[in-house]
Amino acid sequence: MRGDILGRDTVAREQSVNSRRKTRDEPVTLERLERALAAISYAILLDGPVYAPVLDRLEREIAALRARDDVVSRARQHLERFQASANNGGVKAIA
């Protein structure tokens, strides 16, 4: 009986490790970061500020991801304005 229990523990542990590996291979997205933020916020409410560094890191990661997306959006808007200007006889930004 004891061998059966240990065998199940080993299988469960291997499945857990494989699950974590798969998660690490997935891209970091805003959705994943926000889910992690919600989970760590809940943990802080339960256990106190012990997880504050994790909360701080997630908030920084989310802000950086949003800023990067914002830069791309702003660059796209600049190019659209330049293209509209070039179509109206203005100076071309890109030859």
C-alpha atoms as a PDB file:
ATOM      1  CA  MET A   1       0.000   0.000   0.000  1.00  0.00           C
ATOM      2  CA  ARG A   2       2.788   2.425   0.887  1.00  0.00           C
ATOM      3  CA  GLY A   3       4.418   1.953  -2.528  1.00  0.00           C
ATOM      4  CA  ASP A   4       1.119   2.833  -4.208  1.00  0.00           C
ATOM      5  CA  ILE A   5       0.881   6.098  -2.276  1.00  0.00           C
ATOM      6  CA  LEU A   6       4.479   7.017  -3.079  1.00  0.00           C
ATOM      7  CA  GLY A   7       3.883   6.206  -6.730  1.00  0.00           C
ATOM      8  CA  ARG A   8       0.900   8.533  -6.829  1.00  0.00           C
ATOM      9  CA  ASP A   9       2.914  11.280  -5.141  1.00  0.00           C
ATOM     10  CA  THR A  10       5.657  10.915  -7.739  1.00  0.00           C
ATOM     11  CA  VAL A  11       3.181  11.109 -10.612  1.00  0.00           C
ATOM     12  CA  ALA A  12       1.460  14.152  -9.088  1.00  0.00           C
ATOM     13  CA  ARG A  13       4.831  15.862  -8.568  1.00  0.00           C
ATOM     14  CA  GLU A  14       5.885  15.186 -12.178  1.00  0.00           C
ATOM     15  CA  GLN A  15       2.582  16.533 -13.479  1.00  0.00           C
ATOM     16  CA  SER A  16       3.029  19.660 -11.376  1.00  0.00           C
ATOM     17  CA  VAL A  17       6.561  20.223 -12.692  1.00  0.00           C
ATOM     18  CA  ASN A  18       5.423  19.684 -16.285  1.00  0.00           C
ATOM     19  CA  SER A  19       2.550  22.126 -15.769  1.00  0.00           C
ATOM     20  CA  ARG A  20       4.941  24.804 -14.462  1.00  0.00           C
ATOM     21  CA  ARG A  21       7.307  24.284 -17.391  1.00  0.00           C
ATOM     22  CA  LYS A  22       4.464  24.724 -19.853  1.00  0.00           C
ATOM     23  CA  THR A  23       3.421  27.945 -18.112  1.00  0.00           C
ATOM     24  CA  ARG A  24       6.974  29.301 -18.272  1.00  0.00           C
ATOM     25  CA  ASP A  25       7.073  28.706 -22.020  1.00  0.00           C
ATOM     26  CA  GLU A  26       3.949  30.769 -22.623  1.00  0.00           C
ATOM     27  CA  PRO A  27       4.441  34.434 -23.536  1.00  0.00           C
ATOM     28  CA  VAL A  28       3.976  37.065 -20.865  1.00  0.00           C
ATOM     29  CA  THR A  29       0.743  38.855 -21.684  1.00  0.00           C
ATOM     30  CA  LEU A  30      -1.187  41.621 -19.996  1.00  0.00           C
ATOM     31  CA  GLU A  31      -3.947  39.120 -19.213  1.00  0.00           C
ATOM     32  CA  ARG A  32      -1.543  36.717 -17.460  1.00  0.00           C
ATOM     33  CA  LEU A  33       0.033  39.542 -15.473  1.00  0.00           C
ATOM     34  CA  GLU A  34      -3.367  40.847 -14.373  1.00  0.00           C
ATOM     35  CA  ARG A  35      -4.445  37.353 -13.266  1.00  0.00           C
ATOM     36  CA  ALA A  36      -1.230  37.037 -11.278  1.00  0.00           C
ATOM     37  CA  LEU A  37      -1.853  40.484  -9.780  1.00  0.00           C
ATOM     38  CA  ALA A  38      -5.315  39.414  -8.637  1.00  0.00           C
ATOM     39  CA  ALA A  39      -3.943  36.187  -7.143  1.00  0.00           C
ATOM     40  CA  ILE A  40      -1.130  37.905  -5.251  1.00  0.00           C
ATOM     41  CA  SER A  41      -3.512  40.620  -4.043  1.00  0.00           C
ATOM     42  CA  TYR A  42      -5.727  37.916  -2.583  1.00  0.00           C
ATOM     43  CA  ALA A  43      -2.707  36.270  -0.944  1.00  0.00           C
ATOM     44  CA  ILE A  44      -1.733  39.602   0.614  1.00  0.00           C
ATOM     45  CA  LEU A  45      -5.214  40.008   2.055  1.00  0.00           C
ATOM     46  CA  LEU A  46      -4.922  36.539   3.596  1.00  0.00           C
ATOM     47  CA  ASP A  47      -1.288  36.542   4.726  1.00  0.00           C
ATOM     48  CA  GLY A  48      -0.318  40.182   5.050  1.00  0.00           C
ATOM     49  CA  PRO A  49       2.391  42.169   3.276  1.00  0.00           C
ATOM     50  CA  VAL A  50       4.853  39.289   2.969  1.00  0.00           C
ATOM     51  CA  TYR A  51       4.120  39.208  -0.793  1.00  0.00           C
ATOM     52  CA  ALA A  52       4.468  42.978  -1.276  1.00  0.00           C
ATOM     53  CA  PRO A  53       7.650  42.629  -3.390  1.00  0.00           C
ATOM     54  CA  VAL A  54       5.792  40.345  -5.793  1.00  0.00           C
ATOM     55  CA  LEU A  55       2.918  42.846  -5.997  1.00  0.00           C
ATOM     56  CA  ASP A  56       5.395  45.651  -6.708  1.00  0.00           C
ATOM     57  CA  ARG A  57       7.071  43.622  -9.450  1.00  0.00           C
ATOM     58  CA  LEU A  58       3.769  42.739 -11.121  1.00  0.00           C
ATOM     59  CA  GLU A  59       2.664  46.371 -11.058  1.00  0.00           C
ATOM     60  CA  ARG A  60       5.952  47.428 -12.697  1.00  0.00           C
ATOM     61  CA  GLU A  61       5.663  44.693 -15.339  1.00  0.00           C
ATOM     62  CA  ILE A  62       2.096  45.728 -16.178  1.00  0.00           C
ATOM     63  CA  ALA A  63       3.084  49.408 -16.412  1.00  0.00           C
ATOM     64  CA  ALA A  64       6.032  48.553 -18.685  1.00  0.00           C
ATOM     65  CA  LEU A  65       3.888  46.404 -20.955  1.00  0.00           C
ATOM     66  CA  ARG A  66       1.244  49.114 -21.230  1.00  0.00           C
ATOM     67  CA  ALA A  67       3.906  51.765 -21.924  1.00  0.00           C
ATOM     68  CA  ARG A  68       5.428  49.610 -24.670  1.00  0.00           C
ATOM     69  CA  ASP A  69       2.017  49.149 -26.263  1.00  0.00           C
ATOM     70  CA  ASP A  70       1.400  52.872 -25.960  1.00  0.00           C
ATOM     71  CA  VAL A  71       4.696  53.667 -27.744  1.00  0.00           C
ATOM     72  CA  VAL A  72       3.717  51.450 -30.673  1.00  0.00           C
ATOM     73  CA  SER A  73       0.294  53.057 -30.811  1.00  0.00           C
ATOM     74  CA  ARG A  74       1.761  56.553 -30.768  1.00  0.00           C
ATOM     75  CA  ALA A  75       4.286  55.662 -33.475  1.00  0.00           C
ATOM     76  CA  ARG A  76       1.481  54.296 -35.648  1.00  0.00           C
ATOM     77  CA  GLN A  77      -0.465  57.554 -35.219  1.00  0.00           C
ATOM     78  CA  HIS A  78       2.608  59.607 -36.222  1.00  0.00           C
ATOM     79  CA  LEU A  79       3.082  57.571 -39.385  1.00  0.00           C
ATOM     80  CA  GLU A  80      -0.594  57.874 -40.279  1.00  0.00           C
ATOM     81  CA  ARG A  81      -0.360  61.675 -39.952  1.00  0.00           C
ATOM     82  CA  PHE A  82       2.813  61.784 -42.057  1.00  0.00           C
ATOM     83  CA  GLN A  83       1.203  59.578 -44.686  1.00  0.00           C
ATOM     84  CA  ALA A  84      -1.876  61.803 -44.801  1.00  0.00           C
ATOM     85  CA  SER A  85       0.378  64.859 -45.132  1.00  0.00           C
ATOM     86  CA  ALA A  86       2.380  63.219 -47.950  1.00  0.00           C
ATOM     87  CA  ASN A  87      -0.840  62.337 -49.791  1.00  0.00           C
ATOM     88  CA  ASN A  88      -1.835  66.009 -49.632  1.00  0.00           C
ATOM     89  CA  GLY A  89       1.456  67.167 -51.175  1.00  0.00           C
ATOM     90  CA  GLY A  90       3.386  67.516 -47.921  1.00  0.00           C
ATOM     91  CA  VAL A  91       6.862  66.277 -47.097  1.00  0.00           C
ATOM     92  CA  LYS A  92       7.339  62.525 -47.122  1.00  0.00           C
ATOM     93  CA  ALA A  93       8.750  61.101 -43.903  1.00  0.00           C
ATOM     94  CA  ILE A  94       9.965  57.898 -45.544  1.00  0.00           C
ATOM     95  CA  ALA A  95      11.248  57.811 -49.112  1.00  0.00           C
END
